[in-house]
């Protein structure tokens, strides 16, 4: 493609979570030629949340329903969605290229990376081996299989406490394993957890191993971080919620990241490469919430619209009125 040729799209959004769908709404409203590429079903991690209580306008809504509303809103503006895997994002001086798994290459003025993150792993013996056999990172997905059983939940933030409360509705007993002496979750969630009789918090404890038998997980090994004392705990499942790691595999090599792998952006969510934006859980920021991801999406889309406008060529010669071209007086 020549430097002056117009690319296929004004904007390619990689990822269909709350941030990507919010970006799509604002991009469509800005009349950008936009396509959203998502290898799975749109919605992102929020789909797995049993209940969302902190998104403005919805006191109580399931993650699946909220995701559907995001998608329907974007589709109302005739958004083009491609269900494809992105294999590479290739920045260019004038045009960026997004390579798809089927071999197609999308050429675009701007790219918004909304690839989110994955659950962080403990890295202990038994975790990988028994994934899907009692080890889980999603209570909503797998909680049904533990009705009337005993489970351990690892973590102390909002997600861990929310999932522990959800599991308490289904199971006989929930042990919440936390390495500190106080939870990091919001005060209202802390109050609910500490007031739930089915939940027992195991303070100053870390999970060091997951054991299993023929029927799946049968116990976990714990260690007291203060004394070093070890003990075994009989459980039927282990649910791990210790944060997320950014899905940064598609981030171009020249894009700045922090020590944890999160993309560094400016206040417009733009990276150090012009026209390449990063939003949501992929971006370095103070807090990771659905509403913040959605705000990132709107910010990046508005900034992308401004960037695209600056890239579009202006005609070299303006067409003058016929009278002027013929030399006649006005």
C-alpha atoms as a PDB file:
ATOM      1  CA  UNK A   1       0.000   0.000   0.000  1.00  0.00           C
ATOM      2  CA  UNK A   2       1.284   3.453  -0.829  1.00  0.00           C
ATOM      3  CA  UNK A   3       1.720   6.041   1.875  1.00  0.00           C
ATOM      4  CA  UNK A   4      -1.198   8.070   0.512  1.00  0.00           C
ATOM      5  CA  UNK A   5      -3.637   5.184  -0.014  1.00  0.00           C
ATOM      6  CA  UNK A   6      -6.550   4.853   2.388  1.00  0.00           C
ATOM      7  CA  UNK A   7      -6.529   1.723   4.569  1.00  0.00           C
ATOM      8  CA  UNK A   8      -9.438  -0.675   4.779  1.00  0.00           C
ATOM      9  CA  UNK A   9     -10.504   0.543   8.239  1.00  0.00           C
ATOM     10  CA  UNK A  10     -10.202   3.622  10.369  1.00  0.00           C
ATOM     11  CA  UNK A  11     -10.109   1.512  13.533  1.00  0.00           C
ATOM     12  CA  UNK A  12      -9.611  -2.137  14.459  1.00  0.00           C
ATOM     13  CA  UNK A  13     -10.584  -3.118  18.011  1.00  0.00           C
ATOM     14  CA  UNK A  14      -8.919  -6.310  19.259  1.00  0.00           C
ATOM     15  CA  UNK A  15     -11.030  -7.822  22.036  1.00  0.00           C
ATOM     16  CA  UNK A  16     -14.732  -7.829  22.826  1.00  0.00           C
ATOM     17  CA  UNK A  17     -14.960  -7.267  26.566  1.00  0.00           C
ATOM     18  CA  UNK A  18     -16.592  -4.217  28.215  1.00  0.00           C
ATOM     19  CA  UNK A  19     -13.706  -1.977  27.096  1.00  0.00           C
ATOM     20  CA  UNK A  20     -13.734  -3.162  23.503  1.00  0.00           C
ATOM     21  CA  UNK A  21     -17.522  -2.934  23.190  1.00  0.00           C
ATOM     22  CA  UNK A  22     -17.582   0.515  24.788  1.00  0.00           C
ATOM     23  CA  UNK A  23     -14.903   1.620  22.306  1.00  0.00           C
ATOM     24  CA  UNK A  24     -17.023   0.220  19.484  1.00  0.00           C
ATOM     25  CA  UNK A  25     -20.070   2.259  20.530  1.00  0.00           C
ATOM     26  CA  UNK A  26     -18.086   5.500  20.583  1.00  0.00           C
ATOM     27  CA  UNK A  27     -16.241   4.668  17.360  1.00  0.00           C
ATOM     28  CA  UNK A  28     -19.475   3.961  15.512  1.00  0.00           C
ATOM     29  CA  UNK A  29     -20.977   7.184  16.787  1.00  0.00           C
ATOM     30  CA  UNK A  30     -17.886   9.000  15.502  1.00  0.00           C
ATOM     31  CA  UNK A  31     -18.527   7.471  12.050  1.00  0.00           C
ATOM     32  CA  UNK A  32     -15.240   5.570  12.004  1.00  0.00           C
ATOM     33  CA  UNK A  33     -14.953   2.565   9.697  1.00  0.00           C
ATOM     34  CA  UNK A  34     -14.627   0.082  12.550  1.00  0.00           C
ATOM     35  CA  UNK A  35     -14.312  -3.651  12.986  1.00  0.00           C
ATOM     36  CA  UNK A  36     -14.126  -5.518  16.302  1.00  0.00           C
ATOM     37  CA  UNK A  37     -12.197  -8.809  16.286  1.00  0.00           C
ATOM     38  CA  UNK A  38     -12.881 -11.327  19.062  1.00  0.00           C
ATOM     39  CA  UNK A  39     -11.865 -14.993  18.916  1.00  0.00           C
ATOM     40  CA  UNK A  40     -14.535 -16.065  21.406  1.00  0.00           C
ATOM     41  CA  UNK A  41     -17.930 -14.754  22.397  1.00  0.00           C
ATOM     42  CA  UNK A  42     -18.052 -10.999  23.164  1.00  0.00           C
ATOM     43  CA  UNK A  43     -18.296 -10.073  26.832  1.00  0.00           C
ATOM     44  CA  UNK A  44     -14.910 -10.847  28.318  1.00  0.00           C
ATOM     45  CA  UNK A  45     -14.294 -11.949  31.912  1.00  0.00           C
ATOM     46  CA  UNK A  46     -17.458 -10.260  33.180  1.00  0.00           C
ATOM     47  CA  UNK A  47     -19.532 -13.035  31.568  1.00  0.00           C
ATOM     48  CA  UNK A  48     -18.324 -15.350  34.338  1.00  0.00           C
ATOM     49  CA  UNK A  49     -19.542 -13.082  37.165  1.00  0.00           C
ATOM     50  CA  UNK A  50     -22.664 -14.321  38.905  1.00  0.00           C
ATOM     51  CA  UNK A  51     -23.747 -10.853  39.957  1.00  0.00           C
ATOM     52  CA  UNK A  52     -22.491  -7.328  39.309  1.00  0.00           C
ATOM     53  CA  UNK A  53     -23.508  -4.722  41.878  1.00  0.00           C
ATOM     54  CA  UNK A  54     -21.142  -1.836  41.160  1.00  0.00           C
ATOM     55  CA  UNK A  55     -21.854  -0.876  37.542  1.00  0.00           C
ATOM     56  CA  UNK A  56     -23.737   2.451  37.511  1.00  0.00           C
ATOM     57  CA  UNK A  57     -27.389   2.121  36.633  1.00  0.00           C
ATOM     58  CA  UNK A  58     -27.679  -1.539  37.675  1.00  0.00           C
ATOM     59  CA  UNK A  59     -28.017  -2.348  41.349  1.00  0.00           C
ATOM     60  CA  UNK A  60     -28.089  -6.069  40.573  1.00  0.00           C
ATOM     61  CA  UNK A  61     -27.347  -7.676  37.206  1.00  0.00           C
ATOM     62  CA  UNK A  62     -25.602 -10.870  36.163  1.00  0.00           C
ATOM     63  CA  UNK A  63     -22.336 -10.591  34.312  1.00  0.00           C
ATOM     64  CA  UNK A  64     -23.833 -12.444  31.349  1.00  0.00           C
ATOM     65  CA  UNK A  65     -26.779 -10.028  31.130  1.00  0.00           C
ATOM     66  CA  UNK A  66     -24.542  -6.973  31.418  1.00  0.00           C
ATOM     67  CA  UNK A  67     -22.278  -8.312  28.667  1.00  0.00           C
ATOM     68  CA  UNK A  68     -25.289  -8.914  26.453  1.00  0.00           C
ATOM     69  CA  UNK A  69     -26.430  -5.323  26.946  1.00  0.00           C
ATOM     70  CA  UNK A  70     -22.957  -4.085  25.965  1.00  0.00           C
ATOM     71  CA  UNK A  71     -23.059  -6.210  22.817  1.00  0.00           C
ATOM     72  CA  UNK A  72     -26.599  -5.210  21.857  1.00  0.00           C
ATOM     73  CA  UNK A  73     -25.736  -1.537  22.286  1.00  0.00           C
ATOM     74  CA  UNK A  74     -22.768  -1.862  19.929  1.00  0.00           C
ATOM     75  CA  UNK A  75     -24.777  -3.897  17.412  1.00  0.00           C
ATOM     76  CA  UNK A  76     -27.436  -1.194  17.365  1.00  0.00           C
ATOM     77  CA  UNK A  77     -24.866   0.925  15.497  1.00  0.00           C
ATOM     78  CA  UNK A  78     -24.297  -1.841  12.898  1.00  0.00           C
ATOM     79  CA  UNK A  79     -20.882  -2.742  14.262  1.00  0.00           C
ATOM     80  CA  UNK A  80     -18.914  -5.218  12.167  1.00  0.00           C
ATOM     81  CA  UNK A  81     -17.700  -8.106  14.348  1.00  0.00           C
ATOM     82  CA  UNK A  82     -15.309 -10.779  13.166  1.00  0.00           C
ATOM     83  CA  UNK A  83     -15.014 -13.951  15.225  1.00  0.00           C
ATOM     84  CA  UNK A  84     -11.373 -14.605  14.477  1.00  0.00           C
ATOM     85  CA  UNK A  85      -8.105 -15.002  16.313  1.00  0.00           C
ATOM     86  CA  UNK A  86      -5.609 -12.177  15.940  1.00  0.00           C
ATOM     87  CA  UNK A  87      -2.094 -13.537  15.455  1.00  0.00           C
ATOM     88  CA  UNK A  88      -0.096 -10.302  15.183  1.00  0.00           C
ATOM     89  CA  UNK A  89      -0.448  -6.540  15.408  1.00  0.00           C
ATOM     90  CA  UNK A  90       2.099  -4.923  13.113  1.00  0.00           C
ATOM     91  CA  UNK A  91       2.553  -1.162  13.582  1.00  0.00           C
ATOM     92  CA  UNK A  92       3.526   1.013  10.610  1.00  0.00           C
ATOM     93  CA  UNK A  93       4.414   4.618   9.988  1.00  0.00           C
ATOM     94  CA  UNK A  94       1.241   5.351   8.039  1.00  0.00           C
ATOM     95  CA  UNK A  95      -0.846   2.191   8.360  1.00  0.00           C
ATOM     96  CA  UNK A  96      -1.093  -0.475  11.061  1.00  0.00           C
ATOM     97  CA  UNK A  97      -1.776  -4.087  10.108  1.00  0.00           C
ATOM     98  CA  UNK A  98      -3.728  -6.646  12.114  1.00  0.00           C
ATOM     99  CA  UNK A  99      -3.067 -10.249  11.056  1.00  0.00           C
ATOM    100  CA  UNK A 100      -5.856 -12.794  11.522  1.00  0.00           C
ATOM    101  CA  UNK A 101      -5.682 -16.538  12.025  1.00  0.00           C
ATOM    102  CA  UNK A 102      -7.289 -17.223   8.631  1.00  0.00           C
ATOM    103  CA  UNK A 103      -4.495 -15.361   6.853  1.00  0.00           C
ATOM    104  CA  UNK A 104      -6.342 -12.096   6.280  1.00  0.00           C
ATOM    105  CA  UNK A 105      -4.617  -8.807   7.056  1.00  0.00           C
ATOM    106  CA  UNK A 106      -6.678  -5.811   8.157  1.00  0.00           C
ATOM    107  CA  UNK A 107      -5.112  -2.435   7.364  1.00  0.00           C
ATOM    108  CA  UNK A 108      -6.141   0.426   9.593  1.00  0.00           C
ATOM    109  CA  UNK A 109      -5.278   3.917  10.766  1.00  0.00           C
ATOM    110  CA  UNK A 110      -5.665   3.028  14.457  1.00  0.00           C
ATOM    111  CA  UNK A 111      -5.771  -0.044  16.695  1.00  0.00           C
ATOM    112  CA  UNK A 112      -7.307  -0.418  20.152  1.00  0.00           C
ATOM    113  CA  UNK A 113      -5.929  -3.379  22.097  1.00  0.00           C
ATOM    114  CA  UNK A 114      -8.577  -4.652  24.508  1.00  0.00           C
ATOM    115  CA  UNK A 115      -7.254  -8.146  25.149  1.00  0.00           C
ATOM    116  CA  UNK A 116      -7.800  -8.160  28.922  1.00  0.00           C
ATOM    117  CA  UNK A 117      -6.077 -10.649  31.194  1.00  0.00           C
ATOM    118  CA  UNK A 118      -6.112 -14.212  32.488  1.00  0.00           C
ATOM    119  CA  UNK A 119      -6.404 -15.525  36.046  1.00  0.00           C
ATOM    120  CA  UNK A 120      -3.049 -15.560  37.812  1.00  0.00           C
ATOM    121  CA  UNK A 121      -1.858 -19.000  38.802  1.00  0.00           C
ATOM    122  CA  UNK A 122      -0.452 -20.018  42.183  1.00  0.00           C
ATOM    123  CA  UNK A 123       2.160 -22.234  40.595  1.00  0.00           C
ATOM    124  CA  UNK A 124       1.870 -24.932  43.257  1.00  0.00           C
ATOM    125  CA  UNK A 125       2.006 -28.710  42.782  1.00  0.00           C
ATOM    126  CA  UNK A 126      -1.327 -30.132  41.680  1.00  0.00           C
ATOM    127  CA  UNK A 127      -2.732 -26.858  40.312  1.00  0.00           C
ATOM    128  CA  UNK A 128      -2.143 -27.540  36.627  1.00  0.00           C
ATOM    129  CA  UNK A 129      -2.564 -31.297  36.924  1.00  0.00           C
ATOM    130  CA  UNK A 130      -6.031 -31.092  38.463  1.00  0.00           C
ATOM    131  CA  UNK A 131      -7.409 -28.122  36.566  1.00  0.00           C
ATOM    132  CA  UNK A 132     -10.979 -29.068  35.669  1.00  0.00           C
ATOM    133  CA  UNK A 133     -10.872 -31.918  38.206  1.00  0.00           C
ATOM    134  CA  UNK A 134     -11.508 -29.773  41.258  1.00  0.00           C
ATOM    135  CA  UNK A 135      -9.264 -26.804  40.531  1.00  0.00           C
ATOM    136  CA  UNK A 136     -11.143 -23.834  39.109  1.00  0.00           C
ATOM    137  CA  UNK A 137     -10.805 -20.108  38.436  1.00  0.00           C
ATOM    138  CA  UNK A 138     -14.534 -19.493  37.989  1.00  0.00           C
ATOM    139  CA  UNK A 139     -17.106 -20.193  40.695  1.00  0.00           C
ATOM    140  CA  UNK A 140     -20.032 -19.334  38.432  1.00  0.00           C
ATOM    141  CA  UNK A 141     -18.804 -21.802  35.826  1.00  0.00           C
ATOM    142  CA  UNK A 142     -18.038 -24.696  38.168  1.00  0.00           C
ATOM    143  CA  UNK A 143     -19.811 -24.037  41.474  1.00  0.00           C
ATOM    144  CA  UNK A 144     -22.749 -26.257  40.509  1.00  0.00           C
ATOM    145  CA  UNK A 145     -20.511 -29.325  40.658  1.00  0.00           C
ATOM    146  CA  UNK A 146     -19.717 -28.687  44.328  1.00  0.00           C
ATOM    147  CA  UNK A 147     -23.237 -28.593  45.752  1.00  0.00           C
ATOM    148  CA  UNK A 148     -23.177 -29.788  49.345  1.00  0.00           C
ATOM    149  CA  UNK A 149     -19.387 -30.161  49.325  1.00  0.00           C
ATOM    150  CA  UNK A 150     -16.478 -28.359  50.979  1.00  0.00           C
ATOM    151  CA  UNK A 151     -14.212 -26.024  49.006  1.00  0.00           C
ATOM    152  CA  UNK A 152     -11.242 -23.717  49.520  1.00  0.00           C
ATOM    153  CA  UNK A 153     -11.111 -20.244  47.992  1.00  0.00           C
ATOM    154  CA  UNK A 154      -7.712 -18.564  47.723  1.00  0.00           C
ATOM    155  CA  UNK A 155      -7.478 -14.753  47.740  1.00  0.00           C
ATOM    156  CA  UNK A 156      -8.588 -11.699  49.655  1.00  0.00           C
ATOM    157  CA  UNK A 157      -9.733  -9.150  47.090  1.00  0.00           C
ATOM    158  CA  UNK A 158     -13.149  -8.308  45.672  1.00  0.00           C
ATOM    159  CA  UNK A 159     -13.206 -11.247  43.267  1.00  0.00           C
ATOM    160  CA  UNK A 160     -12.221 -13.823  45.890  1.00  0.00           C
ATOM    161  CA  UNK A 161     -14.813 -12.582  48.376  1.00  0.00           C
ATOM    162  CA  UNK A 162     -17.558 -12.334  45.744  1.00  0.00           C
ATOM    163  CA  UNK A 163     -16.854 -15.874  44.587  1.00  0.00           C
ATOM    164  CA  UNK A 164     -16.697 -17.170  48.166  1.00  0.00           C
ATOM    165  CA  UNK A 165     -20.122 -15.674  48.845  1.00  0.00           C
ATOM    166  CA  UNK A 166     -21.477 -17.241  45.672  1.00  0.00           C
ATOM    167  CA  UNK A 167     -20.067 -20.647  46.605  1.00  0.00           C
ATOM    168  CA  UNK A 168     -21.547 -20.341  50.098  1.00  0.00           C
ATOM    169  CA  UNK A 169     -24.984 -20.524  48.451  1.00  0.00           C
ATOM    170  CA  UNK A 170     -24.157 -23.914  46.975  1.00  0.00           C
ATOM    171  CA  UNK A 171     -21.665 -25.672  49.212  1.00  0.00           C
ATOM    172  CA  UNK A 172     -21.641 -27.017  52.735  1.00  0.00           C
ATOM    173  CA  UNK A 173     -18.487 -25.144  53.774  1.00  0.00           C
ATOM    174  CA  UNK A 174     -16.116 -22.546  52.273  1.00  0.00           C
ATOM    175  CA  UNK A 175     -12.619 -21.943  53.587  1.00  0.00           C
ATOM    176  CA  UNK A 176     -11.258 -18.572  52.474  1.00  0.00           C
ATOM    177  CA  UNK A 177      -7.466 -18.810  52.486  1.00  0.00           C
ATOM    178  CA  UNK A 178      -5.712 -15.449  52.801  1.00  0.00           C
ATOM    179  CA  UNK A 179      -2.047 -14.693  53.404  1.00  0.00           C
ATOM    180  CA  UNK A 180      -2.702 -11.504  55.386  1.00  0.00           C
ATOM    181  CA  UNK A 181      -4.531 -10.653  58.586  1.00  0.00           C
ATOM    182  CA  UNK A 182      -7.182  -8.572  56.859  1.00  0.00           C
ATOM    183  CA  UNK A 183      -9.004  -8.740  53.554  1.00  0.00           C
ATOM    184  CA  UNK A 184      -8.300  -6.370  50.661  1.00  0.00           C
ATOM    185  CA  UNK A 185     -11.893  -6.453  49.431  1.00  0.00           C
ATOM    186  CA  UNK A 186     -14.303  -3.534  49.722  1.00  0.00           C
ATOM    187  CA  UNK A 187     -15.784  -2.982  53.181  1.00  0.00           C
ATOM    188  CA  UNK A 188     -19.252  -4.136  52.181  1.00  0.00           C
ATOM    189  CA  UNK A 189     -17.886  -7.426  50.854  1.00  0.00           C
ATOM    190  CA  UNK A 190     -15.747  -7.918  53.941  1.00  0.00           C
ATOM    191  CA  UNK A 191     -18.814  -7.442  56.109  1.00  0.00           C
ATOM    192  CA  UNK A 192     -20.785  -9.998  54.112  1.00  0.00           C
ATOM    193  CA  UNK A 193     -18.002 -12.584  54.189  1.00  0.00           C
ATOM    194  CA  UNK A 194     -17.365 -12.227  57.910  1.00  0.00           C
ATOM    195  CA  UNK A 195     -21.093 -12.467  58.558  1.00  0.00           C
ATOM    196  CA  UNK A 196     -21.613 -15.610  56.458  1.00  0.00           C
ATOM    197  CA  UNK A 197     -21.706 -18.660  58.728  1.00  0.00           C
ATOM    198  CA  UNK A 198     -20.670 -21.030  55.940  1.00  0.00           C
ATOM    199  CA  UNK A 199     -17.416 -19.136  55.315  1.00  0.00           C
ATOM    200  CA  UNK A 200     -14.386 -19.578  57.566  1.00  0.00           C
ATOM    201  CA  UNK A 201     -11.431 -17.286  56.902  1.00  0.00           C
ATOM    202  CA  UNK A 202      -8.011 -18.873  57.384  1.00  0.00           C
ATOM    203  CA  UNK A 203      -5.783 -15.885  58.107  1.00  0.00           C
ATOM    204  CA  UNK A 204      -2.026 -15.675  57.465  1.00  0.00           C
ATOM    205  CA  UNK A 205      -2.185 -18.815  55.349  1.00  0.00           C
ATOM    206  CA  UNK A 206      -0.945 -19.796  51.903  1.00  0.00           C
ATOM    207  CA  UNK A 207      -1.864 -22.836  49.840  1.00  0.00           C
ATOM    208  CA  UNK A 208       1.255 -24.818  48.976  1.00  0.00           C
ATOM    209  CA  UNK A 209      -0.099 -27.953  47.310  1.00  0.00           C
ATOM    210  CA  UNK A 210      -3.294 -29.475  45.921  1.00  0.00           C
ATOM    211  CA  UNK A 211      -3.809 -33.205  46.316  1.00  0.00           C
ATOM    212  CA  UNK A 212      -6.272 -35.454  44.540  1.00  0.00           C
ATOM    213  CA  UNK A 213      -7.492 -39.011  44.193  1.00  0.00           C
ATOM    214  CA  UNK A 214      -9.368 -40.883  41.495  1.00  0.00           C
ATOM    215  CA  UNK A 215     -12.418 -38.684  41.983  1.00  0.00           C
ATOM    216  CA  UNK A 216     -10.554 -35.376  41.788  1.00  0.00           C
ATOM    217  CA  UNK A 217      -9.303 -32.933  44.406  1.00  0.00           C
ATOM    218  CA  UNK A 218      -9.434 -34.234  47.945  1.00  0.00           C
ATOM    219  CA  UNK A 219      -7.346 -31.740  49.905  1.00  0.00           C
ATOM    220  CA  UNK A 220      -4.944 -28.822  50.061  1.00  0.00           C
ATOM    221  CA  UNK A 221      -1.783 -28.219  52.040  1.00  0.00           C
ATOM    222  CA  UNK A 222      -1.528 -24.929  53.910  1.00  0.00           C
ATOM    223  CA  UNK A 223       1.328 -23.070  55.556  1.00  0.00           C
ATOM    224  CA  UNK A 224       1.189 -20.331  58.176  1.00  0.00           C
ATOM    225  CA  UNK A 225       3.270 -17.414  56.851  1.00  0.00           C
ATOM    226  CA  UNK A 226       4.189 -16.308  60.388  1.00  0.00           C
ATOM    227  CA  UNK A 227       5.224 -19.568  62.020  1.00  0.00           C
ATOM    228  CA  UNK A 228       5.877 -21.816  59.036  1.00  0.00           C
ATOM    229  CA  UNK A 229       3.551 -24.427  60.499  1.00  0.00           C
ATOM    230  CA  UNK A 230       1.967 -26.747  57.927  1.00  0.00           C
ATOM    231  CA  UNK A 231      -1.331 -28.575  57.929  1.00  0.00           C
ATOM    232  CA  UNK A 232      -3.581 -30.464  55.552  1.00  0.00           C
ATOM    233  CA  UNK A 233      -7.167 -29.457  54.885  1.00  0.00           C
ATOM    234  CA  UNK A 234      -9.732 -31.845  53.411  1.00  0.00           C
ATOM    235  CA  UNK A 235     -11.678 -30.142  50.596  1.00  0.00           C
ATOM    236  CA  UNK A 236     -13.409 -31.240  47.414  1.00  0.00           C
ATOM    237  CA  UNK A 237     -12.331 -28.274  45.324  1.00  0.00           C
ATOM    238  CA  UNK A 238      -9.930 -25.338  45.162  1.00  0.00           C
ATOM    239  CA  UNK A 239     -10.981 -22.019  43.646  1.00  0.00           C
ATOM    240  CA  UNK A 240      -8.154 -19.565  42.988  1.00  0.00           C
ATOM    241  CA  UNK A 241      -8.686 -15.806  42.733  1.00  0.00           C
ATOM    242  CA  UNK A 242      -5.367 -14.010  43.197  1.00  0.00           C
ATOM    243  CA  UNK A 243      -5.581 -11.499  40.382  1.00  0.00           C
ATOM    244  CA  UNK A 244      -4.987 -11.382  36.675  1.00  0.00           C
ATOM    245  CA  UNK A 245      -2.064 -11.190  34.309  1.00  0.00           C
ATOM    246  CA  UNK A 246      -2.347  -9.053  31.164  1.00  0.00           C
ATOM    247  CA  UNK A 247      -2.856 -10.819  27.853  1.00  0.00           C
ATOM    248  CA  UNK A 248       0.029  -8.942  26.278  1.00  0.00           C
ATOM    249  CA  UNK A 249       1.103 -11.477  23.675  1.00  0.00           C
ATOM    250  CA  UNK A 250      -0.258  -9.287  20.855  1.00  0.00           C
ATOM    251  CA  UNK A 251       1.336  -6.090  22.131  1.00  0.00           C
ATOM    252  CA  UNK A 252       3.951  -4.999  19.557  1.00  0.00           C
ATOM    253  CA  UNK A 253       7.567  -5.211  20.690  1.00  0.00           C
ATOM    254  CA  UNK A 254       8.079  -1.447  20.608  1.00  0.00           C
ATOM    255  CA  UNK A 255       5.212  -0.660  22.991  1.00  0.00           C
ATOM    256  CA  UNK A 256       6.271   0.326  26.521  1.00  0.00           C
ATOM    257  CA  UNK A 257       5.243  -1.959  29.401  1.00  0.00           C
ATOM    258  CA  UNK A 258       5.818  -1.847  33.131  1.00  0.00           C
ATOM    259  CA  UNK A 259       7.623  -4.498  35.169  1.00  0.00           C
ATOM    260  CA  UNK A 260       4.422  -6.569  35.466  1.00  0.00           C
ATOM    261  CA  UNK A 261       3.786  -6.563  31.733  1.00  0.00           C
ATOM    262  CA  UNK A 262       0.978  -4.008  31.698  1.00  0.00           C
ATOM    263  CA  UNK A 263       1.022  -1.520  28.820  1.00  0.00           C
ATOM    264  CA  UNK A 264       1.979   2.039  29.702  1.00  0.00           C
ATOM    265  CA  UNK A 265      -0.283   4.667  28.115  1.00  0.00           C
ATOM    266  CA  UNK A 266      -0.969   8.378  28.356  1.00  0.00           C
ATOM    267  CA  UNK A 267      -4.237   9.927  29.540  1.00  0.00           C
ATOM    268  CA  UNK A 268      -5.787   9.164  26.127  1.00  0.00           C
ATOM    269  CA  UNK A 269      -4.995   5.438  26.527  1.00  0.00           C
ATOM    270  CA  UNK A 270      -2.489   5.847  23.667  1.00  0.00           C
ATOM    271  CA  UNK A 271       0.794   3.961  23.748  1.00  0.00           C
ATOM    272  CA  UNK A 272       4.169   5.357  22.720  1.00  0.00           C
ATOM    273  CA  UNK A 273       3.347   4.221  19.166  1.00  0.00           C
ATOM    274  CA  UNK A 274       1.018   6.701  17.479  1.00  0.00           C
ATOM    275  CA  UNK A 275      -2.391   5.259  16.696  1.00  0.00           C
ATOM    276  CA  UNK A 276      -1.986   2.196  18.939  1.00  0.00           C
ATOM    277  CA  UNK A 277      -4.142   2.306  22.077  1.00  0.00           C
ATOM    278  CA  UNK A 278      -4.449  -0.063  25.052  1.00  0.00           C
ATOM    279  CA  UNK A 279      -7.448  -0.257  27.380  1.00  0.00           C
ATOM    280  CA  UNK A 280      -8.982  -2.280  30.193  1.00  0.00           C
ATOM    281  CA  UNK A 281      -7.024  -4.895  32.116  1.00  0.00           C
ATOM    282  CA  UNK A 282      -4.183  -4.703  29.593  1.00  0.00           C
ATOM    283  CA  UNK A 283      -3.314  -1.139  30.621  1.00  0.00           C
ATOM    284  CA  UNK A 284      -1.320   0.023  33.650  1.00  0.00           C
ATOM    285  CA  UNK A 285      -3.664   1.797  36.075  1.00  0.00           C
ATOM    286  CA  UNK A 286      -4.752   2.066  39.692  1.00  0.00           C
ATOM    287  CA  UNK A 287      -7.890  -0.100  39.690  1.00  0.00           C
ATOM    288  CA  UNK A 288      -9.410  -2.788  37.484  1.00  0.00           C
ATOM    289  CA  UNK A 289     -13.182  -2.583  37.350  1.00  0.00           C
ATOM    290  CA  UNK A 290     -15.792  -3.034  34.617  1.00  0.00           C
ATOM    291  CA  UNK A 291     -16.746   0.633  34.687  1.00  0.00           C
ATOM    292  CA  UNK A 292     -13.092   1.663  34.297  1.00  0.00           C
ATOM    293  CA  UNK A 293     -12.623  -0.656  31.327  1.00  0.00           C
ATOM    294  CA  UNK A 294     -15.710   0.853  29.711  1.00  0.00           C
ATOM    295  CA  UNK A 295     -14.387   4.354  30.398  1.00  0.00           C
ATOM    296  CA  UNK A 296     -11.047   3.389  28.853  1.00  0.00           C
ATOM    297  CA  UNK A 297     -12.897   2.241  25.754  1.00  0.00           C
ATOM    298  CA  UNK A 298     -14.728   5.525  25.316  1.00  0.00           C
ATOM    299  CA  UNK A 299     -11.551   7.530  25.923  1.00  0.00           C
ATOM    300  CA  UNK A 300      -9.521   5.513  23.429  1.00  0.00           C
ATOM    301  CA  UNK A 301     -12.241   5.647  20.765  1.00  0.00           C
ATOM    302  CA  UNK A 302     -12.575   9.425  21.051  1.00  0.00           C
ATOM    303  CA  UNK A 303      -8.798   9.793  20.896  1.00  0.00           C
ATOM    304  CA  UNK A 304      -8.642   7.406  17.943  1.00  0.00           C
ATOM    305  CA  UNK A 305     -11.262   9.456  16.100  1.00  0.00           C
ATOM    306  CA  UNK A 306      -9.130  12.568  16.539  1.00  0.00           C
ATOM    307  CA  UNK A 307      -6.030  10.660  15.408  1.00  0.00           C
ATOM    308  CA  UNK A 308      -7.763   9.238  12.319  1.00  0.00           C
ATOM    309  CA  UNK A 309      -9.013  12.680  11.328  1.00  0.00           C
ATOM    310  CA  UNK A 310      -5.466  14.002  11.474  1.00  0.00           C
ATOM    311  CA  UNK A 311      -4.237  11.147   9.252  1.00  0.00           C
ATOM    312  CA  UNK A 312      -6.755  11.527   6.459  1.00  0.00           C
ATOM    313  CA  UNK A 313      -5.357  13.391   3.479  1.00  0.00           C
ATOM    314  CA  UNK A 314      -6.523  16.844   2.472  1.00  0.00           C
ATOM    315  CA  UNK A 315      -6.935  17.488  -1.285  1.00  0.00           C
ATOM    316  CA  UNK A 316      -3.904  19.263  -2.771  1.00  0.00           C
ATOM    317  CA  UNK A 317      -6.091  21.630  -4.823  1.00  0.00           C
ATOM    318  CA  UNK A 318      -9.492  22.862  -3.781  1.00  0.00           C
ATOM    319  CA  UNK A 319     -11.986  22.975  -6.591  1.00  0.00           C
ATOM    320  CA  UNK A 320     -12.729  26.598  -7.429  1.00  0.00           C
ATOM    321  CA  UNK A 321     -16.047  27.905  -8.773  1.00  0.00           C
ATOM    322  CA  UNK A 322     -16.394  27.524 -12.539  1.00  0.00           C
ATOM    323  CA  UNK A 323     -16.443  31.288 -13.044  1.00  0.00           C
ATOM    324  CA  UNK A 324     -13.031  31.690 -11.410  1.00  0.00           C
ATOM    325  CA  UNK A 325     -11.523  28.852 -13.447  1.00  0.00           C
ATOM    326  CA  UNK A 326     -12.693  30.526 -16.676  1.00  0.00           C
ATOM    327  CA  UNK A 327     -11.265  33.862 -15.631  1.00  0.00           C
ATOM    328  CA  UNK A 328     -14.656  35.644 -15.504  1.00  0.00           C
ATOM    329  CA  UNK A 329     -15.361  38.218 -12.819  1.00  0.00           C
ATOM    330  CA  UNK A 330     -17.470  37.370  -9.789  1.00  0.00           C
END
